Amino acid sequence: MVTNVKSLLETVKTVEDEAARGTRALESSIDAIGHEIRVNISMFLLLSNTEYILNAACFELKYRFKYIFNFVSHV
């Protein structure tokens, strides 16, 4: 009977270890997905801000060149 109990306890421990490994793998996957989402959102915001800054700079340059061109053409 002691052998049966020992064998049962070893089986329970093995099942618990497998379950714990599955839980750790799932938690690790969730963390990795969360990290990728944060990186992608950061890149999106960076690219959006960069595009906005470039558009604003282009608009400003167009305005300045138009002003200079008008000034030079009247001189």
PDB file of N, CA and C in Angstrom:
ATOM      1  N   MET A   1       0.815  -1.194   0.000  1.00  0.00           N
ATOM      2  CA  MET A   1       0.000   0.000   0.000  1.00  0.00           C
ATOM      3  C   MET A   1       0.862   1.263   0.000  1.00  0.00           C
ATOM      4  N   VAL A   2       1.986   1.225   0.696  1.00  0.00           N
ATOM      5  CA  VAL A   2       2.883   2.377   0.734  1.00  0.00           C
ATOM      6  C   VAL A   2       3.379   2.679  -0.670  1.00  0.00           C
ATOM      7  N   THR A   3       3.654   1.657  -1.444  1.00  0.00           N
ATOM      8  CA  THR A   3       4.113   1.839  -2.815  1.00  0.00           C
ATOM      9  C   THR A   3       3.034   2.508  -3.651  1.00  0.00           C
ATOM     10  N   ASN A   4       1.786   2.104  -3.455  1.00  0.00           N
ATOM     11  CA  ASN A   4       0.681   2.710  -4.204  1.00  0.00           C
ATOM     12  C   ASN A   4       0.513   4.186  -3.852  1.00  0.00           C
ATOM     13  N   VAL A   5       0.624   4.526  -2.557  1.00  0.00           N
ATOM     14  CA  VAL A   5       0.495   5.914  -2.116  1.00  0.00           C
ATOM     15  C   VAL A   5       1.648   6.732  -2.668  1.00  0.00           C
ATOM     16  N   LYS A   6       2.866   6.161  -2.602  1.00  0.00           N
ATOM     17  CA  LYS A   6       4.032   6.862  -3.130  1.00  0.00           C
ATOM     18  C   LYS A   6       3.868   7.103  -4.629  1.00  0.00           C
ATOM     19  N   SER A   7       3.426   6.111  -5.334  1.00  0.00           N
ATOM     20  CA  SER A   7       3.209   6.237  -6.778  1.00  0.00           C
ATOM     21  C   SER A   7       2.132   7.279  -7.075  1.00  0.00           C
ATOM     22  N   LEU A   8       1.064   7.288  -6.297  1.00  0.00           N
ATOM     23  CA  LEU A   8      -0.011   8.260  -6.465  1.00  0.00           C
ATOM     24  C   LEU A   8       0.510   9.676  -6.226  1.00  0.00           C
ATOM     25  N   LEU A   9       1.305   9.864  -5.152  1.00  0.00           N
ATOM     26  CA  LEU A   9       1.859  11.181  -4.855  1.00  0.00           C
ATOM     27  C   LEU A   9       2.801  11.649  -5.967  1.00  0.00           C
ATOM     28  N   GLU A  10       3.596  10.744  -6.502  1.00  0.00           N
ATOM     29  CA  GLU A  10       4.486  11.097  -7.611  1.00  0.00           C
ATOM     30  C   GLU A  10       3.676  11.502  -8.846  1.00  0.00           C
ATOM     31  N   THR A  11       2.595  10.803  -9.107  1.00  0.00           N
ATOM     32  CA  THR A  11       1.741  11.131 -10.250  1.00  0.00           C
ATOM     33  C   THR A  11       1.095  12.495 -10.061  1.00  0.00           C
ATOM     34  N   VAL A  12       0.599  12.766  -8.852  1.00  0.00           N
ATOM     35  CA  VAL A  12      -0.016  14.064  -8.556  1.00  0.00           C
ATOM     36  C   VAL A  12       1.011  15.175  -8.726  1.00  0.00           C
ATOM     37  N   LYS A  13       2.231  14.962  -8.226  1.00  0.00           N
ATOM     38  CA  LYS A  13       3.286  15.962  -8.365  1.00  0.00           C
ATOM     39  C   LYS A  13       3.606  16.205  -9.836  1.00  0.00           C
ATOM     40  N   THR A  14       3.684  15.165 -10.626  1.00  0.00           N
ATOM     41  CA  THR A  14       3.973  15.303 -12.052  1.00  0.00           C
ATOM     42  C   THR A  14       2.877  16.099 -12.745  1.00  0.00           C
ATOM     43  N   VAL A  15       1.631  15.792 -12.419  1.00  0.00           N
ATOM     44  CA  VAL A  15       0.505  16.520 -13.024  1.00  0.00           C
ATOM     45  C   VAL A  15       0.540  17.982 -12.600  1.00  0.00           C
ATOM     46  N   GLU A  16       0.827  18.250 -11.321  1.00  0.00           N
ATOM     47  CA  GLU A  16       0.919  19.641 -10.849  1.00  0.00           C
ATOM     48  C   GLU A  16       2.052  20.380 -11.544  1.00  0.00           C
ATOM     49  N   ASP A  17       3.194  19.719 -11.729  1.00  0.00           N
ATOM     50  CA  ASP A  17       4.331  20.350 -12.412  1.00  0.00           C
ATOM     51  C   ASP A  17       3.972  20.687 -13.863  1.00  0.00           C
ATOM     52  N   GLU A  18       3.300  19.774 -14.538  1.00  0.00           N
ATOM     53  CA  GLU A  18       2.877  20.023 -15.929  1.00  0.00           C
ATOM     54  C   GLU A  18       1.884  21.184 -15.990  1.00  0.00           C
ATOM     55  N   ALA A  19       0.964  21.230 -15.033  1.00  0.00           N
ATOM     56  CA  ALA A  19      -0.018  22.316 -15.004  1.00  0.00           C
ATOM     57  C   ALA A  19       0.676  23.650 -14.729  1.00  0.00           C
ATOM     58  N   ALA A  20       1.637  23.630 -13.816  1.00  0.00           N
ATOM     59  CA  ALA A  20       2.375  24.858 -13.495  1.00  0.00           C
ATOM     60  C   ALA A  20       3.179  25.314 -14.706  1.00  0.00           C
ATOM     61  N   ARG A  21       3.767  24.393 -15.447  1.00  0.00           N
ATOM     62  CA  ARG A  21       4.529  24.751 -16.637  1.00  0.00           C
ATOM     63  C   ARG A  21       3.609  25.366 -17.695  1.00  0.00           C
ATOM     64  N   GLY A  22       2.422  24.795 -17.841  1.00  0.00           N
ATOM     65  CA  GLY A  22       1.449  25.358 -18.779  1.00  0.00           C
ATOM     66  C   GLY A  22       1.019  26.757 -18.368  1.00  0.00           C
ATOM     67  N   THR A  23       0.813  26.955 -17.072  1.00  0.00           N
ATOM     68  CA  THR A  23       0.427  28.276 -16.565  1.00  0.00           C
ATOM     69  C   THR A  23       1.538  29.291 -16.797  1.00  0.00           C
ATOM     70  N   ARG A  24       2.781  28.897 -16.533  1.00  0.00           N
ATOM     71  CA  ARG A  24       3.912  29.800 -16.764  1.00  0.00           C
ATOM     72  C   ARG A  24       4.033  30.145 -18.249  1.00  0.00           C
ATOM     73  N   ALA A  25       3.837  29.159 -19.114  1.00  0.00           N
ATOM     74  CA  ALA A  25       3.920  29.413 -20.562  1.00  0.00           C
ATOM     75  C   ALA A  25       2.820  30.375 -20.992  1.00  0.00           C
ATOM     76  N   LEU A  26       1.620  30.196 -20.459  1.00  0.00           N
ATOM     77  CA  LEU A  26       0.507  31.083 -20.787  1.00  0.00           C
ATOM     78  C   LEU A  26       0.774  32.499 -20.293  1.00  0.00           C
ATOM     79  N   GLU A  27       1.265  32.642 -19.066  1.00  0.00           N
ATOM     80  CA  GLU A  27       1.592  33.970 -18.526  1.00  0.00           C
ATOM     81  C   GLU A  27       2.685  34.639 -19.344  1.00  0.00           C
ATOM     82  N   SER A  28       3.671  33.867 -19.747  1.00  0.00           N
ATOM     83  CA  SER A  28       4.752  34.400 -20.566  1.00  0.00           C
ATOM     84  C   SER A  28       4.228  34.864 -21.921  1.00  0.00           C
ATOM     85  N   SER A  29       3.328  34.101 -22.503  1.00  0.00           N
ATOM     86  CA  SER A  29       2.733  34.490 -23.792  1.00  0.00           C
ATOM     87  C   SER A  29       1.914  35.768 -23.659  1.00  0.00           C
ATOM     88  N   ILE A  30       1.154  35.880 -22.591  1.00  0.00           N
ATOM     89  CA  ILE A  30       0.351  37.082 -22.352  1.00  0.00           C
ATOM     90  C   ILE A  30       1.258  38.295 -22.182  1.00  0.00           C
ATOM     91  N   ASP A  31       2.343  38.134 -21.436  1.00  0.00           N
ATOM     92  CA  ASP A  31       3.302  39.236 -21.259  1.00  0.00           C
ATOM     93  C   ASP A  31       3.921  39.652 -22.592  1.00  0.00           C
ATOM     94  N   ALA A  32       4.287  38.670 -23.416  1.00  0.00           N
ATOM     95  CA  ALA A  32       4.895  38.973 -24.713  1.00  0.00           C
ATOM     96  C   ALA A  32       3.908  39.698 -25.627  1.00  0.00           C
ATOM     97  N   ILE A  33       2.652  39.275 -25.625  1.00  0.00           N
ATOM     98  CA  ILE A  33       1.630  39.940 -26.435  1.00  0.00           C
ATOM     99  C   ILE A  33       1.417  41.367 -25.945  1.00  0.00           C
ATOM    100  N   GLY A  34       1.362  41.550 -24.642  1.00  0.00           N
ATOM    101  CA  GLY A  34       1.209  42.891 -24.074  1.00  0.00           C
ATOM    102  C   GLY A  34       2.365  43.792 -24.468  1.00  0.00           C
ATOM    103  N   HIS A  35       3.576  43.245 -24.444  1.00  0.00           N
ATOM    104  CA  HIS A  35       4.753  44.022 -24.838  1.00  0.00           C
ATOM    105  C   HIS A  35       4.660  44.426 -26.310  1.00  0.00           C
ATOM    106  N   GLU A  36       4.275  43.500 -27.177  1.00  0.00           N
ATOM    107  CA  GLU A  36       4.150  43.806 -28.602  1.00  0.00           C
ATOM    108  C   GLU A  36       3.084  44.874 -28.846  1.00  0.00           C
ATOM    109  N   ILE A  37       1.997  44.814 -28.110  1.00  0.00           N
ATOM    110  CA  ILE A  37       0.942  45.828 -28.259  1.00  0.00           C
ATOM    111  C   ILE A  37       1.486  47.198 -27.855  1.00  0.00           C
ATOM    112  N   ARG A  38       2.200  47.258 -26.731  1.00  0.00           N
ATOM    113  CA  ARG A  38       2.767  48.539 -26.290  1.00  0.00           C
ATOM    114  C   ARG A  38       3.767  49.081 -27.307  1.00  0.00           C
ATOM    115  N   VAL A  39       4.605  48.216 -27.856  1.00  0.00           N
ATOM    116  CA  VAL A  39       5.590  48.647 -28.855  1.00  0.00           C
ATOM    117  C   VAL A  39       4.879  49.163 -30.102  1.00  0.00           C
ATOM    118  N   ASN A  40       3.869  48.432 -30.561  1.00  0.00           N
ATOM    119  CA  ASN A  40       3.154  48.848 -31.775  1.00  0.00           C
ATOM    120  C   ASN A  40       2.411  50.158 -31.566  1.00  0.00           C
ATOM    121  N   ILE A  41       1.810  50.346 -30.404  1.00  0.00           N
ATOM    122  CA  ILE A  41       1.117  51.602 -30.124  1.00  0.00           C
ATOM    123  C   ILE A  41       2.125  52.738 -30.067  1.00  0.00           C
ATOM    124  N   SER A  42       3.277  52.500 -29.433  1.00  0.00           N
ATOM    125  CA  SER A  42       4.308  53.534 -29.364  1.00  0.00           C
ATOM    126  C   SER A  42       4.793  53.913 -30.757  1.00  0.00           C
ATOM    127  N   MET A  43       5.018  52.904 -31.604  1.00  0.00           N
ATOM    128  CA  MET A  43       5.472  53.183 -32.969  1.00  0.00           C
ATOM    129  C   MET A  43       4.401  53.947 -33.738  1.00  0.00           C
ATOM    130  N   PHE A  44       3.133  53.567 -33.562  1.00  0.00           N
ATOM    131  CA  PHE A  44       2.046  54.264 -34.244  1.00  0.00           C
ATOM    132  C   PHE A  44       2.004  55.725 -33.817  1.00  0.00           C
ATOM    133  N   LEU A  45       2.113  55.965 -32.507  1.00  0.00           N
ATOM    134  CA  LEU A  45       2.082  57.346 -32.020  1.00  0.00           C
ATOM    135  C   LEU A  45       3.292  58.125 -32.513  1.00  0.00           C
ATOM    136  N   LEU A  46       4.453  57.483 -32.520  1.00  0.00           N
ATOM    137  CA  LEU A  46       5.655  58.150 -33.004  1.00  0.00           C
ATOM    138  C   LEU A  46       5.518  58.508 -34.479  1.00  0.00           C
ATOM    139  N   LEU A  47       5.046  57.556 -35.276  1.00  0.00           N
ATOM    140  CA  LEU A  47       4.886  57.819 -36.713  1.00  0.00           C
ATOM    141  C   LEU A  47       3.804  58.862 -36.954  1.00  0.00           C
ATOM    142  N   SER A  48       2.728  58.809 -36.178  1.00  0.00           N
ATOM    143  CA  SER A  48       1.669  59.802 -36.326  1.00  0.00           C
ATOM    144  C   SER A  48       2.192  61.193 -36.000  1.00  0.00           C
ATOM    145  N   ASN A  49       2.937  61.304 -34.898  1.00  0.00           N
ATOM    146  CA  ASN A  49       3.502  62.598 -34.517  1.00  0.00           C
ATOM    147  C   ASN A  49       4.518  63.067 -35.549  1.00  0.00           C
ATOM    148  N   THR A  50       5.326  62.157 -36.066  1.00  0.00           N
ATOM    149  CA  THR A  50       6.320  62.513 -37.079  1.00  0.00           C
ATOM    150  C   THR A  50       5.621  63.020 -38.329  1.00  0.00           C
ATOM    151  N   GLU A  51       4.563  62.322 -38.751  1.00  0.00           N
ATOM    152  CA  GLU A  51       3.815  62.754 -39.932  1.00  0.00           C
ATOM    153  C   GLU A  51       3.193  64.140 -39.698  1.00  0.00           C
ATOM    154  N   TYR A  52       2.657  64.350 -38.524  1.00  0.00           N
ATOM    155  CA  TYR A  52       2.065  65.643 -38.198  1.00  0.00           C
ATOM    156  C   TYR A  52       3.125  66.746 -38.242  1.00  0.00           C
ATOM    157  N   ILE A  53       4.279  66.472 -37.648  1.00  0.00           N
ATOM    158  CA  ILE A  53       5.362  67.468 -37.628  1.00  0.00           C
ATOM    159  C   ILE A  53       5.840  67.770 -39.044  1.00  0.00           C
ATOM    160  N   LEU A  54       5.997  66.735 -39.854  1.00  0.00           N
ATOM    161  CA  LEU A  54       6.434  66.951 -41.244  1.00  0.00           C
ATOM    162  C   LEU A  54       5.403  67.748 -42.033  1.00  0.00           C
ATOM    163  N   ASN A  55       4.138  67.434 -41.857  1.00  0.00           N
ATOM    164  CA  ASN A  55       3.093  68.190 -42.556  1.00  0.00           C
ATOM    165  C   ASN A  55       3.090  69.649 -42.112  1.00  0.00           C
ATOM    166  N   ALA A  56       3.243  69.878 -40.825  1.00  0.00           N
ATOM    167  CA  ALA A  56       3.277  71.248 -40.325  1.00  0.00           C
ATOM    168  C   ALA A  56       4.504  71.982 -40.859  1.00  0.00           C
ATOM    169  N   ALA A  57       5.643  71.308 -40.908  1.00  0.00           N
ATOM    170  CA  ALA A  57       6.861  71.927 -41.427  1.00  0.00           C
ATOM    171  C   ALA A  57       6.709  72.247 -42.908  1.00  0.00           C
ATOM    172  N   CYS A  58       6.129  71.337 -43.673  1.00  0.00           N
ATOM    173  CA  CYS A  58       5.906  71.585 -45.109  1.00  0.00           C
ATOM    174  C   CYS A  58       4.967  72.765 -45.305  1.00  0.00           C
ATOM    175  N   PHE A  59       3.920  72.827 -44.520  1.00  0.00           N
ATOM    176  CA  PHE A  59       2.983  73.942 -44.626  1.00  0.00           C
ATOM    177  C   PHE A  59       3.699  75.258 -44.331  1.00  0.00           C
ATOM    178  N   GLU A  60       4.522  75.260 -43.278  1.00  0.00           N
ATOM    179  CA  GLU A  60       5.271  76.463 -42.901  1.00  0.00           C
ATOM    180  C   GLU A  60       6.238  76.864 -44.010  1.00  0.00           C
ATOM    181  N   LEU A  61       6.933  75.898 -44.589  1.00  0.00           N
ATOM    182  CA  LEU A  61       7.864  76.208 -45.681  1.00  0.00           C
ATOM    183  C   LEU A  61       7.125  76.762 -46.900  1.00  0.00           C
ATOM    184  N   LYS A  62       5.990  76.157 -47.230  1.00  0.00           N
ATOM    185  CA  LYS A  62       5.204  76.666 -48.359  1.00  0.00           C
ATOM    186  C   LYS A  62       4.791  78.112 -48.104  1.00  0.00           C
ATOM    187  N   TYR A  63       4.341  78.387 -46.896  1.00  0.00           N
ATOM    188  CA  TYR A  63       3.925  79.743 -46.543  1.00  0.00           C
ATOM    189  C   TYR A  63       5.093  80.720 -46.654  1.00  0.00           C
ATOM    190  N   ARG A  64       6.252  80.342 -46.127  1.00  0.00           N
ATOM    191  CA  ARG A  64       7.417  81.236 -46.167  1.00  0.00           C
ATOM    192  C   ARG A  64       7.903  81.456 -47.593  1.00  0.00           C
ATOM    193  N   PHE A  65       7.967  80.379 -48.388  1.00  0.00           N
ATOM    194  CA  PHE A  65       8.405  80.545 -49.778  1.00  0.00           C
ATOM    195  C   PHE A  65       7.426  81.415 -50.559  1.00  0.00           C
ATOM    196  N   LYS A  66       6.141  81.228 -50.292  1.00  0.00           N
ATOM    197  CA  LYS A  66       5.135  82.044 -50.975  1.00  0.00           C
ATOM    198  C   LYS A  66       5.316  83.512 -50.577  1.00  0.00           C
ATOM    199  N   TYR A  67       5.567  83.764 -49.307  1.00  0.00           N
ATOM    200  CA  TYR A  67       5.771  85.134 -48.830  1.00  0.00           C
ATOM    201  C   TYR A  67       7.027  85.732 -49.465  1.00  0.00           C
ATOM    202  N   ILE A  68       8.121  84.969 -49.489  1.00  0.00           N
ATOM    203  CA  ILE A  68       9.381  85.463 -50.079  1.00  0.00           C
ATOM    204  C   ILE A  68       9.200  85.701 -51.574  1.00  0.00           C
ATOM    205  N   PHE A  69       8.547  84.764 -52.249  1.00  0.00           N
ATOM    206  CA  PHE A  69       8.329  84.910 -53.688  1.00  0.00           C
ATOM    207  C   PHE A  69       7.500  86.159 -53.985  1.00  0.00           C
ATOM    208  N   ASN A  70       6.443  86.380 -53.214  1.00  0.00           N
ATOM    209  CA  ASN A  70       5.628  87.582 -53.416  1.00  0.00           C
ATOM    210  C   ASN A  70       6.416  88.851 -53.141  1.00  0.00           C
ATOM    211  N   PHE A  71       7.252  88.809 -52.118  1.00  0.00           N
ATOM    212  CA  PHE A  71       8.058  89.980 -51.770  1.00  0.00           C
ATOM    213  C   PHE A  71       9.063  90.280 -52.890  1.00  0.00           C
ATOM    214  N   VAL A  72       9.739  89.230 -53.380  1.00  0.00           N
ATOM    215  CA  VAL A  72      10.754  89.413 -54.414  1.00  0.00           C
ATOM    216  C   VAL A  72      10.108  89.849 -55.726  1.00  0.00           C
ATOM    217  N   SER A  73       8.950  89.336 -56.042  1.00  0.00           N
ATOM    218  CA  SER A  73       8.317  89.690 -57.314  1.00  0.00           C
ATOM    219  C   SER A  73       7.802  91.133 -57.302  1.00  0.00           C
ATOM    220  N   HIS A  74       7.615  91.742 -56.153  1.00  0.00           N
ATOM    221  CA  HIS A  74       7.149  93.131 -56.071  1.00  0.00           C
ATOM    222  C   HIS A  74       8.307  94.115 -55.991  1.00  0.00           C
ATOM    223  N   VAL A  75       9.507  93.637 -55.829  1.00  0.00           N
ATOM    224  CA  VAL A  75      10.665  94.535 -55.705  1.00  0.00           C
ATOM    225  C   VAL A  75      11.172  94.941 -57.054  1.00  0.00           C
TER     226      VAL A  75
END
